[in-house]
Protein backbone atom coordinates (compact mmCIF):
# COMPACT_ATOMS: atom_id res chain seq x y z
CA MET A 1 92.39 24.62 196.48
CA ARG A 2 92.12 20.89 196.23
CA ARG A 3 89.78 19.20 193.80
CA THR A 4 87.60 16.52 195.24
CA LYS A 5 86.71 14.77 192.00
CA THR A 6 89.03 13.37 189.41
CA MET A 7 89.14 14.93 185.96
CA LEU A 8 90.32 13.63 182.64
CA MET A 9 93.63 14.99 181.42
CA GLY A 10 91.97 16.20 178.20
CA ASP A 11 89.44 18.23 180.19
CA LEU A 12 92.20 19.79 182.27
CA LEU A 13 94.18 20.76 179.16
CA GLU A 14 91.07 22.18 177.50
CA GLU A 15 90.38 24.29 180.59
CA PHE A 16 94.01 25.46 180.65
CA PHE A 17 94.07 26.49 176.98
CA LYS A 18 90.82 28.45 177.34
CA ARG A 19 92.48 30.91 179.71
CA PRO A 20 92.79 34.28 177.89
CA TYR A 21 96.57 34.69 178.27
CA VAL A 22 97.33 31.13 177.18
CA ALA A 23 94.88 31.28 174.27
CA ALA A 24 96.48 34.52 173.06
CA LYS A 25 99.98 33.04 173.20
CA VAL A 26 98.90 29.93 171.32
CA ALA A 27 97.20 32.09 168.66
CA GLU A 28 100.35 34.20 168.40
CA GLY A 29 102.40 31.07 167.75
CA LYS A 30 100.00 30.01 165.00
CA LEU A 31 100.03 33.46 163.37
CA PRO A 32 102.27 32.52 160.38
CA ASP A 33 99.99 29.60 159.54
CA THR A 34 96.90 31.78 159.96
CA TRP A 35 98.43 34.44 157.70
CA ARG A 36 99.20 31.84 155.02
CA ALA A 37 95.63 30.50 155.19
CA ILE A 38 94.11 33.98 154.85
CA VAL A 39 96.24 35.54 152.10
CA GLY A 40 97.16 32.39 150.19
CA GLU A 41 100.41 30.73 149.19
CA ALA A 42 101.54 33.33 146.63
CA ALA A 43 101.09 36.30 148.95
CA ALA A 44 102.64 34.42 151.87
CA ALA A 45 105.69 33.72 149.72
CA GLN A 46 106.10 37.49 149.21
CA THR A 47 105.91 38.13 152.97
CA THR A 48 109.35 38.65 154.47
CA SER A 49 108.34 39.13 158.11
CA LEU A 50 105.38 39.10 160.48
CA ARG A 51 105.83 40.79 163.87
CA LEU A 52 103.24 41.24 166.57
CA GLU A 53 104.06 44.05 168.99
CA ARG A 54 101.51 45.47 171.43
CA ASP A 55 98.54 44.12 169.47
CA VAL A 56 99.82 45.64 166.18
CA LEU A 57 100.75 43.24 163.38
CA TYR A 58 103.64 44.51 161.25
CA VAL A 59 103.78 42.85 157.83
CA THR A 60 106.78 43.36 155.54
CA LEU A 61 106.34 42.46 151.87
CA ARG A 62 108.64 42.25 148.84
CA SER A 63 106.01 43.13 146.25
CA SER A 64 104.85 46.74 145.97
CA VAL A 65 101.73 45.67 144.08
CA LEU A 66 100.74 43.24 146.83
CA ARG A 67 101.59 45.87 149.45
CA SER A 68 99.20 48.41 147.93
CA GLU A 69 96.48 45.76 147.61
CA LEU A 70 96.79 44.70 151.25
CA LEU A 71 96.78 48.33 152.42
CA TYR A 72 93.15 48.54 151.30
CA GLN A 73 92.26 45.30 153.09
CA ARG A 74 93.85 45.95 156.50
CA GLU A 75 90.58 45.98 158.47
CA ALA A 76 89.33 42.82 156.78
CA LEU A 77 92.67 41.11 157.47
CA ARG A 78 92.50 42.13 161.14
CA ASP A 79 88.95 40.85 161.50
CA GLU A 80 89.74 37.54 159.79
CA ILE A 81 92.88 36.95 161.90
CA ASN A 82 90.94 37.59 165.09
CA ARG A 83 88.06 35.39 163.95
CA ARG A 84 90.31 32.45 163.06
CA SER A 85 92.42 32.73 166.20
CA GLY A 86 89.39 32.93 168.49
CA VAL A 87 90.80 35.83 170.53
CA ALA A 88 91.26 39.55 169.95
CA LEU A 89 94.89 39.15 168.96
CA VAL A 90 95.40 42.02 166.50
CA ARG A 91 94.19 45.58 167.00
CA SER A 92 95.60 46.93 163.72
CA VAL A 93 97.70 45.84 160.74
CA VAL A 94 100.63 47.87 159.41
CA VAL A 95 101.82 46.88 155.93
CA ARG A 96 105.35 47.84 154.93
């Protein structure tokens, strides 16, 4: 389909990044930064890995105290990650 009117490059990029698949991939790439913003610098320093597989976020931590604290906050973490990313990126959070 050919467009009859010209569009600004910024408008085209905005339209492209609003597509659900593209928006989800961009949010997935920003996940480490989003995690750091939500849990803070100290907790992010104790995080050894973040993996997103089939809408499940696997978080591996060094600190057992932090692990038990985040186990109680899994739903709140999921909701905050999805809110900040703008898409339903995470269905559940598994803390290890």
